[in-house]
Amino acid sequence: MVAELMFTASKAWFENGMVCVLLNDNREVRFPAFLNKKMKNASVDQISEIEIICKGTGLHWPQLDEDLSVTGIPEGRF
């Protein structure tokens, strides 16, 4: 099975400076938004608008034109 499909995001939100992702296996991963170059200087409103895309394998921030792979987050690819 492809790693991208082993777990997916079921929910994503921004809280206390952290991007939070609830995975389909009920694990939660978080990372400080400032670690992402586009989020570093973005407003709370811009970071808070998170869309789950590609059947849960990706996250998209429309106001920032930013996409992240859900599997990349635990690997430190922000």
C-alpha atoms as a PDB file:
ATOM      1  CA  MET A   1       0.000   0.000   0.000  1.00  0.00           C
ATOM      2  CA  VAL A   2       1.247   3.468  -0.826  1.00  0.00           C
ATOM      3  CA  ALA A   3       2.302   5.428   2.283  1.00  0.00           C
ATOM      4  CA  GLU A   4       0.088   8.372   1.283  1.00  0.00           C
ATOM      5  CA  LEU A   5      -2.969   6.142   1.651  1.00  0.00           C
ATOM      6  CA  MET A   6      -2.002   4.530   4.956  1.00  0.00           C
ATOM      7  CA  PHE A   7      -3.368   7.471   6.888  1.00  0.00           C
ATOM      8  CA  THR A   8      -5.374  10.500   5.933  1.00  0.00           C
ATOM      9  CA  ALA A   9      -6.600  13.674   7.603  1.00  0.00           C
ATOM     10  CA  SER A  10     -10.127  13.651   8.966  1.00  0.00           C
ATOM     11  CA  LYS A  11      -9.938  17.159  10.482  1.00  0.00           C
ATOM     12  CA  ALA A  12      -7.514  20.103  10.404  1.00  0.00           C
ATOM     13  CA  TRP A  13      -7.501  23.340  12.397  1.00  0.00           C
ATOM     14  CA  PHE A  14      -5.291  26.136  13.713  1.00  0.00           C
ATOM     15  CA  GLU A  15      -4.963  26.604  17.477  1.00  0.00           C
ATOM     16  CA  ASN A  16      -2.539  28.584  19.658  1.00  0.00           C
ATOM     17  CA  GLY A  17      -0.012  29.030  16.863  1.00  0.00           C
ATOM     18  CA  MET A  18      -0.136  25.339  15.895  1.00  0.00           C
ATOM     19  CA  VAL A  19      -1.503  23.650  12.783  1.00  0.00           C
ATOM     20  CA  CYS A  20      -3.324  20.569  14.085  1.00  0.00           C
ATOM     21  CA  VAL A  21      -4.347  17.519  12.088  1.00  0.00           C
ATOM     22  CA  LEU A  22      -6.520  14.650  13.294  1.00  0.00           C
ATOM     23  CA  LEU A  23      -5.679  11.509  11.350  1.00  0.00           C
ATOM     24  CA  ASN A  24      -8.156   8.815  10.395  1.00  0.00           C
ATOM     25  CA  ASP A  25      -6.595   6.467  12.993  1.00  0.00           C
ATOM     26  CA  ASN A  26      -7.285   9.078  15.732  1.00  0.00           C
ATOM     27  CA  ARG A  27      -3.660  10.183  16.078  1.00  0.00           C
ATOM     28  CA  GLU A  28      -3.127  13.908  16.170  1.00  0.00           C
ATOM     29  CA  VAL A  29      -0.112  15.706  14.747  1.00  0.00           C
ATOM     30  CA  ARG A  30       0.751  19.364  15.268  1.00  0.00           C
ATOM     31  CA  PHE A  31       3.425  21.752  14.128  1.00  0.00           C
ATOM     32  CA  PRO A  32       4.150  25.413  14.791  1.00  0.00           C
ATOM     33  CA  ALA A  33       2.841  27.464  11.864  1.00  0.00           C
ATOM     34  CA  PHE A  34       5.973  29.644  11.840  1.00  0.00           C
ATOM     35  CA  LEU A  35       7.985  26.659  10.546  1.00  0.00           C
ATOM     36  CA  ASN A  36       6.256  27.086   7.173  1.00  0.00           C
ATOM     37  CA  LYS A  37       7.643  30.034   5.200  1.00  0.00           C
ATOM     38  CA  LYS A  38       4.229  31.124   3.868  1.00  0.00           C
ATOM     39  CA  MET A  39       2.550  30.866   7.274  1.00  0.00           C
ATOM     40  CA  LYS A  40       5.367  32.569   9.164  1.00  0.00           C
ATOM     41  CA  ASN A  41       4.037  36.074   8.467  1.00  0.00           C
ATOM     42  CA  ALA A  42       0.413  35.172   7.682  1.00  0.00           C
ATOM     43  CA  SER A  43      -2.603  36.309   9.673  1.00  0.00           C
ATOM     44  CA  VAL A  44      -4.564  34.000  11.958  1.00  0.00           C
ATOM     45  CA  ASP A  45      -7.469  34.180   9.492  1.00  0.00           C
ATOM     46  CA  GLN A  46      -5.239  33.106   6.594  1.00  0.00           C
ATOM     47  CA  ILE A  47      -3.778  30.160   8.502  1.00  0.00           C
ATOM     48  CA  SER A  48      -7.131  29.134   9.996  1.00  0.00           C
ATOM     49  CA  GLU A  49      -8.695  28.536   6.574  1.00  0.00           C
ATOM     50  CA  ILE A  50      -7.554  24.957   5.979  1.00  0.00           C
ATOM     51  CA  GLU A  51      -9.096  22.616   3.399  1.00  0.00           C
ATOM     52  CA  ILE A  52      -8.597  18.854   3.358  1.00  0.00           C
ATOM     53  CA  ILE A  53      -7.888  17.839  -0.236  1.00  0.00           C
ATOM     54  CA  CYS A  54      -7.041  14.752  -2.313  1.00  0.00           C
ATOM     55  CA  LYS A  55      -9.173  12.331  -0.296  1.00  0.00           C
ATOM     56  CA  GLY A  56      -7.498  13.413   2.939  1.00  0.00           C
ATOM     57  CA  THR A  57      -3.893  13.058   1.791  1.00  0.00           C
ATOM     58  CA  GLY A  58      -3.311  16.806   1.512  1.00  0.00           C
ATOM     59  CA  LEU A  59      -4.036  20.122   3.181  1.00  0.00           C
ATOM     60  CA  HIS A  60      -4.623  23.374   1.318  1.00  0.00           C
ATOM     61  CA  TRP A  61      -4.567  27.001   2.477  1.00  0.00           C
ATOM     62  CA  PRO A  62      -6.429  28.938  -0.255  1.00  0.00           C
ATOM     63  CA  GLN A  63      -5.478  32.404   0.982  1.00  0.00           C
ATOM     64  CA  LEU A  64      -1.792  31.442   1.071  1.00  0.00           C
ATOM     65  CA  ASP A  65      -1.733  29.246  -2.056  1.00  0.00           C
ATOM     66  CA  GLU A  66      -0.021  26.578   0.056  1.00  0.00           C
ATOM     67  CA  ASP A  67      -0.390  22.786   0.002  1.00  0.00           C
ATOM     68  CA  LEU A  68       1.124  20.192   2.325  1.00  0.00           C
ATOM     69  CA  SER A  69       1.158  16.418   2.195  1.00  0.00           C
ATOM     70  CA  VAL A  70      -0.385  14.838   5.291  1.00  0.00           C
ATOM     71  CA  THR A  71       2.366  12.185   5.354  1.00  0.00           C
ATOM     72  CA  GLY A  72       5.002  14.902   5.078  1.00  0.00           C
ATOM     73  CA  ILE A  73       3.956  16.606   8.313  1.00  0.00           C
ATOM     74  CA  PRO A  74       5.111  13.834  10.707  1.00  0.00           C
ATOM     75  CA  GLU A  75       8.295  13.627   8.610  1.00  0.00           C
ATOM     76  CA  GLY A  76       8.985  17.325   9.280  1.00  0.00           C
ATOM     77  CA  ARG A  77       8.176  18.611   5.783  1.00  0.00           C
ATOM     78  CA  PHE A  78       6.236  21.776   6.535  1.00  0.00           C
END
